[in-house]
Amino acid sequence: MEPGMRVEHPQQPDWGIGEVQSNIGGRVTVNFPEIGKIVIETSRVALHPVFDAETRLPKG
């Protein structure tokens, strides 16, 4: 996971599509539109990359 990547949390689809802010030592900070910034341990949660995010994000 690299900064700028769009991802979804597999167990929390209602959080929406988030943008990776940083990845330090397996701890990924993601900014989700519905809940804000969250730090996720990638050893515990496998975030799903989203490659068509532009068509799924609200325009604004």
PDB file of N, CA and C in Angstrom:
ATOM      1  N   MET A   1       0.835  -1.176   0.000  1.00  0.00           N
ATOM      2  CA  MET A   1       0.000   0.000   0.000  1.00  0.00           C
ATOM      3  C   MET A   1       0.883   1.244   0.000  1.00  0.00           C
ATOM      4  N   GLU A   2       0.628   2.108  -0.957  1.00  0.00           N
ATOM      5  CA  GLU A   2       1.398   3.339  -1.079  1.00  0.00           C
ATOM      6  C   GLU A   2       0.471   4.543  -0.951  1.00  0.00           C
ATOM      7  N   PRO A   3       0.990   5.671  -0.456  1.00  0.00           N
ATOM      8  CA  PRO A   3       0.165   6.879  -0.370  1.00  0.00           C
ATOM      9  C   PRO A   3      -0.480   7.212  -1.717  1.00  0.00           C
ATOM     10  N   GLY A   4      -1.745   7.575  -1.641  1.00  0.00           N
ATOM     11  CA  GLY A   4      -2.503   7.902  -2.846  1.00  0.00           C
ATOM     12  C   GLY A   4      -3.353   6.765  -3.365  1.00  0.00           C
ATOM     13  N   MET A   5      -3.036   5.524  -2.961  1.00  0.00           N
ATOM     14  CA  MET A   5      -3.842   4.379  -3.397  1.00  0.00           C
ATOM     15  C   MET A   5      -5.234   4.472  -2.787  1.00  0.00           C
ATOM     16  N   ARG A   6      -6.226   4.006  -3.524  1.00  0.00           N
ATOM     17  CA  ARG A   6      -7.604   3.919  -3.032  1.00  0.00           C
ATOM     18  C   ARG A   6      -7.843   2.485  -2.568  1.00  0.00           C
ATOM     19  N   VAL A   7      -8.492   2.345  -1.406  1.00  0.00           N
ATOM     20  CA  VAL A   7      -8.710   1.020  -0.828  1.00  0.00           C
ATOM     21  C   VAL A   7     -10.082   0.928  -0.175  1.00  0.00           C
ATOM     22  N   GLU A   8     -10.531  -0.301   0.016  1.00  0.00           N
ATOM     23  CA  GLU A   8     -11.735  -0.599   0.788  1.00  0.00           C
ATOM     24  C   GLU A   8     -11.350  -1.523   1.932  1.00  0.00           C
ATOM     25  N   HIS A   9     -12.029  -1.374   3.063  1.00  0.00           N
ATOM     26  CA  HIS A   9     -11.844  -2.274   4.198  1.00  0.00           C
ATOM     27  C   HIS A   9     -12.817  -3.435   3.996  1.00  0.00           C
ATOM     28  N   PRO A  10     -12.329  -4.687   3.942  1.00  0.00           N
ATOM     29  CA  PRO A  10     -13.209  -5.816   3.612  1.00  0.00           C
ATOM     30  C   PRO A  10     -14.339  -6.056   4.610  1.00  0.00           C
ATOM     31  N   GLN A  11     -14.133  -5.720   5.879  1.00  0.00           N
ATOM     32  CA  GLN A  11     -15.185  -5.932   6.877  1.00  0.00           C
ATOM     33  C   GLN A  11     -16.034  -4.686   7.136  1.00  0.00           C
ATOM     34  N   GLN A  12     -15.678  -3.560   6.514  1.00  0.00           N
ATOM     35  CA  GLN A  12     -16.395  -2.306   6.761  1.00  0.00           C
ATOM     36  C   GLN A  12     -16.731  -1.591   5.448  1.00  0.00           C
ATOM     37  N   PRO A  13     -17.510  -2.198   4.577  1.00  0.00           N
ATOM     38  CA  PRO A  13     -17.794  -1.559   3.286  1.00  0.00           C
ATOM     39  C   PRO A  13     -18.526  -0.226   3.418  1.00  0.00           C
ATOM     40  N   ASP A  14     -19.244  -0.030   4.531  1.00  0.00           N
ATOM     41  CA  ASP A  14     -19.965   1.226   4.728  1.00  0.00           C
ATOM     42  C   ASP A  14     -19.034   2.410   4.984  1.00  0.00           C
ATOM     43  N   TRP A  15     -17.743   2.157   5.215  1.00  0.00           N
ATOM     44  CA  TRP A  15     -16.772   3.241   5.389  1.00  0.00           C
ATOM     45  C   TRP A  15     -16.486   3.929   4.068  1.00  0.00           C
ATOM     46  N   GLY A  16     -16.812   3.286   2.962  1.00  0.00           N
ATOM     47  CA  GLY A  16     -16.551   3.857   1.649  1.00  0.00           C
ATOM     48  C   GLY A  16     -15.141   3.547   1.166  1.00  0.00           C
ATOM     49  N   ILE A  17     -14.740   4.232   0.125  1.00  0.00           N
ATOM     50  CA  ILE A  17     -13.411   4.050  -0.453  1.00  0.00           C
ATOM     51  C   ILE A  17     -12.479   5.070   0.178  1.00  0.00           C
ATOM     52  N   GLY A  18     -11.411   4.561   0.777  1.00  0.00           N
ATOM     53  CA  GLY A  18     -10.459   5.439   1.442  1.00  0.00           C
ATOM     54  C   GLY A  18      -9.204   5.655   0.625  1.00  0.00           C
ATOM     55  N   GLU A  19      -8.449   6.682   1.022  1.00  0.00           N
ATOM     56  CA  GLU A  19      -7.175   6.976   0.369  1.00  0.00           C
ATOM     57  C   GLU A  19      -6.050   6.765   1.368  1.00  0.00           C
ATOM     58  N   VAL A  20      -5.066   5.955   0.975  1.00  0.00           N
ATOM     59  CA  VAL A  20      -3.911   5.686   1.831  1.00  0.00           C
ATOM     60  C   VAL A  20      -3.123   6.980   2.009  1.00  0.00           C
ATOM     61  N   GLN A  21      -2.847   7.324   3.271  1.00  0.00           N
ATOM     62  CA  GLN A  21      -2.069   8.515   3.601  1.00  0.00           C
ATOM     63  C   GLN A  21      -0.604   8.166   3.843  1.00  0.00           C
ATOM     64  N   SER A  22      -0.376   7.016   4.533  1.00  0.00           N
ATOM     65  CA  SER A  22       0.996   6.583   4.816  1.00  0.00           C
ATOM     66  C   SER A  22       1.007   5.094   5.111  1.00  0.00           C
ATOM     67  N   ASN A  23       2.204   4.504   5.018  1.00  0.00           N
ATOM     68  CA  ASN A  23       2.407   3.094   5.346  1.00  0.00           C
ATOM     69  C   ASN A  23       3.763   2.993   6.020  1.00  0.00           C
ATOM     70  N   ILE A  24       3.741   2.823   7.333  1.00  0.00           N
ATOM     71  CA  ILE A  24       4.980   2.767   8.111  1.00  0.00           C
ATOM     72  C   ILE A  24       4.977   1.486   8.932  1.00  0.00           C
ATOM     73  N   GLY A  25       5.887   0.589   8.615  1.00  0.00           N
ATOM     74  CA  GLY A  25       6.022  -0.646   9.375  1.00  0.00           C
ATOM     75  C   GLY A  25       4.773  -1.495   9.419  1.00  0.00           C
ATOM     76  N   GLY A  26       4.024  -1.533   8.320  1.00  0.00           N
ATOM     77  CA  GLY A  26       2.813  -2.350   8.283  1.00  0.00           C
ATOM     78  C   GLY A  26       1.601  -1.686   8.903  1.00  0.00           C
ATOM     79  N   ARG A  27       1.743  -0.441   9.313  1.00  0.00           N
ATOM     80  CA  ARG A  27       0.610   0.336   9.836  1.00  0.00           C
ATOM     81  C   ARG A  27       0.232   1.362   8.775  1.00  0.00           C
ATOM     82  N   VAL A  28      -0.950   1.170   8.213  1.00  0.00           N
ATOM     83  CA  VAL A  28      -1.403   2.014   7.113  1.00  0.00           C
ATOM     84  C   VAL A  28      -2.446   3.001   7.628  1.00  0.00           C
ATOM     85  N   THR A  29      -2.212   4.275   7.387  1.00  0.00           N
ATOM     86  CA  THR A  29      -3.202   5.303   7.717  1.00  0.00           C
ATOM     87  C   THR A  29      -4.032   5.552   6.473  1.00  0.00           C
ATOM     88  N   VAL A  30      -5.354   5.396   6.633  1.00  0.00           N
ATOM     89  CA  VAL A  30      -6.281   5.561   5.514  1.00  0.00           C
ATOM     90  C   VAL A  30      -7.322   6.607   5.897  1.00  0.00           C
ATOM     91  N   ASN A  31      -7.611   7.511   4.984  1.00  0.00           N
ATOM     92  CA  ASN A  31      -8.653   8.511   5.190  1.00  0.00           C
ATOM     93  C   ASN A  31      -9.913   8.035   4.469  1.00  0.00           C
ATOM     94  N   PHE A  32     -10.929   7.624   5.263  1.00  0.00           N
ATOM     95  CA  PHE A  32     -12.196   7.158   4.716  1.00  0.00           C
ATOM     96  C   PHE A  32     -13.207   8.299   4.743  1.00  0.00           C
ATOM     97  N   PRO A  33     -14.021   8.444   3.690  1.00  0.00           N
ATOM     98  CA  PRO A  33     -14.956   9.570   3.624  1.00  0.00           C
ATOM     99  C   PRO A  33     -16.013   9.553   4.725  1.00  0.00           C
ATOM    100  N   GLU A  34     -16.396   8.384   5.189  1.00  0.00           N
ATOM    101  CA  GLU A  34     -17.479   8.298   6.168  1.00  0.00           C
ATOM    102  C   GLU A  34     -17.022   8.387   7.622  1.00  0.00           C
ATOM    103  N   ILE A  35     -15.735   8.093   7.896  1.00  0.00           N
ATOM    104  CA  ILE A  35     -15.294   8.076   9.300  1.00  0.00           C
ATOM    105  C   ILE A  35     -14.001   8.819   9.568  1.00  0.00           C
ATOM    106  N   GLY A  36     -13.324   9.272   8.532  1.00  0.00           N
ATOM    107  CA  GLY A  36     -12.066   9.996   8.725  1.00  0.00           C
ATOM    108  C   GLY A  36     -10.862   9.070   8.700  1.00  0.00           C
ATOM    109  N   LYS A  37      -9.781   9.531   9.337  1.00  0.00           N
ATOM    110  CA  LYS A  37      -8.517   8.784   9.294  1.00  0.00           C
ATOM    111  C   LYS A  37      -8.507   7.648  10.310  1.00  0.00           C
ATOM    112  N   ILE A  38      -8.046   6.494   9.837  1.00  0.00           N
ATOM    113  CA  ILE A  38      -7.944   5.287  10.655  1.00  0.00           C
ATOM    114  C   ILE A  38      -6.586   4.654  10.394  1.00  0.00           C
ATOM    115  N   VAL A  39      -5.941   4.150  11.453  1.00  0.00           N
ATOM    116  CA  VAL A  39      -4.689   3.401  11.304  1.00  0.00           C
ATOM    117  C   VAL A  39      -5.039   1.919  11.325  1.00  0.00           C
ATOM    118  N   ILE A  40      -4.590   1.192  10.316  1.00  0.00           N
ATOM    119  CA  ILE A  40      -4.925  -0.225  10.158  1.00  0.00           C
ATOM    120  C   ILE A  40      -3.646  -1.042  10.114  1.00  0.00           C
ATOM    121  N   GLU A  41      -3.617  -2.110  10.915  1.00  0.00           N
ATOM    122  CA  GLU A  41      -2.495  -3.059  10.913  1.00  0.00           C
ATOM    123  C   GLU A  41      -2.706  -4.021   9.746  1.00  0.00           C
ATOM    124  N   THR A  42      -1.813  -3.970   8.762  1.00  0.00           N
ATOM    125  CA  THR A  42      -1.999  -4.826   7.590  1.00  0.00           C
ATOM    126  C   THR A  42      -1.760  -6.300   7.891  1.00  0.00           C
ATOM    127  N   SER A  43      -1.164  -6.608   9.036  1.00  0.00           N
ATOM    128  CA  SER A  43      -1.016  -8.012   9.425  1.00  0.00           C
ATOM    129  C   SER A  43      -2.348  -8.587   9.909  1.00  0.00           C
ATOM    130  N   ARG A  44      -3.309  -7.723  10.222  1.00  0.00           N
ATOM    131  CA  ARG A  44      -4.612  -8.162  10.724  1.00  0.00           C
ATOM    132  C   ARG A  44      -5.735  -7.977   9.715  1.00  0.00           C
ATOM    133  N   VAL A  45      -5.580  -6.983   8.838  1.00  0.00           N
ATOM    134  CA  VAL A  45      -6.619  -6.675   7.856  1.00  0.00           C
ATOM    135  C   VAL A  45      -5.976  -6.523   6.485  1.00  0.00           C
ATOM    136  N   ALA A  46      -6.508  -7.253   5.509  1.00  0.00           N
ATOM    137  CA  ALA A  46      -6.016  -7.142   4.131  1.00  0.00           C
ATOM    138  C   ALA A  46      -6.913  -6.161   3.382  1.00  0.00           C
ATOM    139  N   LEU A  47      -6.461  -4.923   3.280  1.00  0.00           N
ATOM    140  CA  LEU A  47      -7.224  -3.916   2.551  1.00  0.00           C
ATOM    141  C   LEU A  47      -7.295  -4.290   1.077  1.00  0.00           C
ATOM    142  N   HIS A  48      -8.419  -3.977   0.451  1.00  0.00           N
ATOM    143  CA  HIS A  48      -8.611  -4.286  -0.963  1.00  0.00           C
ATOM    144  C   HIS A  48      -8.347  -3.044  -1.805  1.00  0.00           C
ATOM    145  N   PRO A  49      -7.366  -3.098  -2.715  1.00  0.00           N
ATOM    146  CA  PRO A  49      -7.138  -1.961  -3.615  1.00  0.00           C
ATOM    147  C   PRO A  49      -8.348  -1.742  -4.525  1.00  0.00           C
ATOM    148  N   VAL A  50      -8.640  -0.492  -4.811  1.00  0.00           N
ATOM    149  CA  VAL A  50      -9.739  -0.134  -5.707  1.00  0.00           C
ATOM    150  C   VAL A  50      -9.143   0.664  -6.854  1.00  0.00           C
ATOM    151  N   PHE A  51      -9.275   0.132  -8.056  1.00  0.00           N
ATOM    152  CA  PHE A  51      -8.658   0.772  -9.213  1.00  0.00           C
ATOM    153  C   PHE A  51      -9.622   1.632 -10.009  1.00  0.00           C
ATOM    154  N   ASP A  52     -10.936   1.464  -9.774  1.00  0.00           N
ATOM    155  CA  ASP A  52     -11.917   2.271 -10.492  1.00  0.00           C
ATOM    156  C   ASP A  52     -12.569   3.278  -9.558  1.00  0.00           C
ATOM    157  N   ALA A  53     -11.820   3.773  -8.588  1.00  0.00           N
ATOM    158  CA  ALA A  53     -12.361   4.650  -7.550  1.00  0.00           C
ATOM    159  C   ALA A  53     -12.968   5.927  -8.112  1.00  0.00           C
ATOM    160  N   GLU A  54     -12.430   6.444  -9.178  1.00  0.00           N
ATOM    161  CA  GLU A  54     -12.922   7.719  -9.696  1.00  0.00           C
ATOM    162  C   GLU A  54     -14.398   7.647 -10.074  1.00  0.00           C
ATOM    163  N   THR A  55     -14.859   6.501 -10.535  1.00  0.00           N
ATOM    164  CA  THR A  55     -16.257   6.382 -10.939  1.00  0.00           C
ATOM    165  C   THR A  55     -17.168   6.122  -9.752  1.00  0.00           C
ATOM    166  N   ARG A  56     -16.599   5.772  -8.587  1.00  0.00           N
ATOM    167  CA  ARG A  56     -17.418   5.415  -7.433  1.00  0.00           C
ATOM    168  C   ARG A  56     -17.427   6.488  -6.353  1.00  0.00           C
ATOM    169  N   LEU A  57     -16.558   7.471  -6.452  1.00  0.00           N
ATOM    170  CA  LEU A  57     -16.524   8.533  -5.457  1.00  0.00           C
ATOM    171  C   LEU A  57     -17.520   9.629  -5.825  1.00  0.00           C
ATOM    172  N   PRO A  58     -18.140  10.242  -4.818  1.00  0.00           N
ATOM    173  CA  PRO A  58     -19.058  11.342  -5.126  1.00  0.00           C
ATOM    174  C   PRO A  58     -18.305  12.521  -5.737  1.00  0.00           C
ATOM    175  N   LYS A  59     -18.936  13.173  -6.655  1.00  0.00           N
ATOM    176  CA  LYS A  59     -18.327  14.360  -7.275  1.00  0.00           C
ATOM    177  C   LYS A  59     -18.504  15.544  -6.337  1.00  0.00           C
ATOM    178  N   GLY A  60     -17.488  16.376  -6.281  1.00  0.00           N
ATOM    179  CA  GLY A  60     -17.649  17.526  -5.403  1.00  0.00           C
ATOM    180  C   GLY A  60     -16.442  18.287  -5.370  1.00  0.00           C
TER     181      GLY A  60
END
